[in-house]
Amino acid sequence: MLNDHRQLSRRRFLGNFAFASAAIAAGPGSWAIRPDWANAAEGPIRILTGALGFAGNTDANVARMVVDEINETGGLLGRPIELLIEDTASNESVAVGNVRKLIQRDKVDLVLGGIASSMRNAIKDIIISRGKTLYIYPQAYEGKECTPYLFCTGPVPAQNCDRFIPWLIKSGGRRFALPGSNYVWPQTINAYARKVIESSGGEVVFEEYYPLDQIDFSSTVSRITSNKVDVVFNSVIPPGVGSFFKQLYEAGFSRNGGQLGCVYYDENTLEMNQAHEIEGLASSLDYYKALAVEDPVSAKIQSAYEKQFPGKFRFSAGSAATGTYRGLKLWEAAVKEAGTIDREAVAAALDHAKLVEGPGGPAEMVPGKRHCRMNMYVGVARAGQYEIVARSAGLVDPKEC
């Protein structure tokens, strides 16, 4: 959940809604509409971002940072952006009501957010079909979302798996287990992973799914060790994943040469276990903090975020921070090209929008596909931090729609 504890005077506050945390307009520390906007009489351009859990807090912080930057450099079309941050309580019925209210009453021009695919599916019709509004979904997800006016800016299975799984086979072995939580993302990415494993000369020893709240994985760990599994391609999610990894470690999986892989694991989730329990874990993401050492643009973005939002909500790819940054900057480019916030014109421009500089490198929408090409990296956990051990030669195609 998202709670913004900033203290605002009534004179400076732009809007207060049920479950809404804040409305951001202008630069850091300034909550008043700037008086010198050329088209300020038309009012601010409004966007909404939904926040879910620790990932939602990170994404909301990124949205604040990007909106501040845009407004500090003149806004869009001579107008400021107003950011409405909504606490959905990780509840689809709450989210549906709040999104409907903010589209119908507050006339937002863009909705950006949602973490779980079930949340995206719950709110997309209200946004797109009934609300006639653009929707950007920033999270890494299972793919197959090909709805007009819905643009996806996080990685999908082809980007996560096509280079990562051959790397796992080369470094870990051929015999795979595919344990996952019992919902759409693990099932879909495992179906894709199985094809890549088998076409790359590997084999799937077993594939099984567990309730979202399961924390005892003793039988699964026993099956992994007794079947001499080389690689565990994990899609168990929190809260169970921490227990699962701990139980794997205690059974000697990594000490006996086993390789652990998990495509969503980022700097935030690394801290769910003791460093030694996940030493050598490999992940496949579009950004790692380690890139800031070698890439000046990534370093600038990372530094700006940490300065503005010090604390536990880290700028990381698995939390959709990169997808949020990418989505807002691509939308900004599309609005500038379109010269309007009309949905049809902005969608047409967003269809081919490009981001020259971003976290992890440039990115671009694939024309006609509403998904994003981006760089991908393999990171390995060493002493509680990621080291980048492999990277794509260029922007990786999502192969969607």
Foldseek 3Di string as FASTA:
>chain_A
DDADPDDDDPVQFDDDDVQWHGKDWEAPPGRHFDPPQPPCVVPAAEEEEEADPLLRHLLVLLVNLVLRVCRHVQHFLSHHYIYIYGYQVPDLVSVQVVVLCCLVPVVHQEYEYDEDPVNCVSRVCSACVVSVHAYEYLAEFAFPDFDPSYFYEFAHLCQFALPVLLVCCVQWHAEEEQEAAPDDGSVRSVVVNQVNSVVSPHHYPYYDHDHLPDADCLVVLVVCVVVVGREYAYHRDPPNPLSVLQNNVVVCQVVVRHEYEYALDALLNLVSYQLVSQAFYKYKGLAHLVVLVPDVLLVVSQVSSCVVDPDNSHQIGSSSNQSSNVVVVLLSQLCNVLSHSNSVSSSQSSLWGKAQGGHSGIKTHPHPFSYMWGKMFMWTRDNSGTDTDDIDPTTDDNPHD
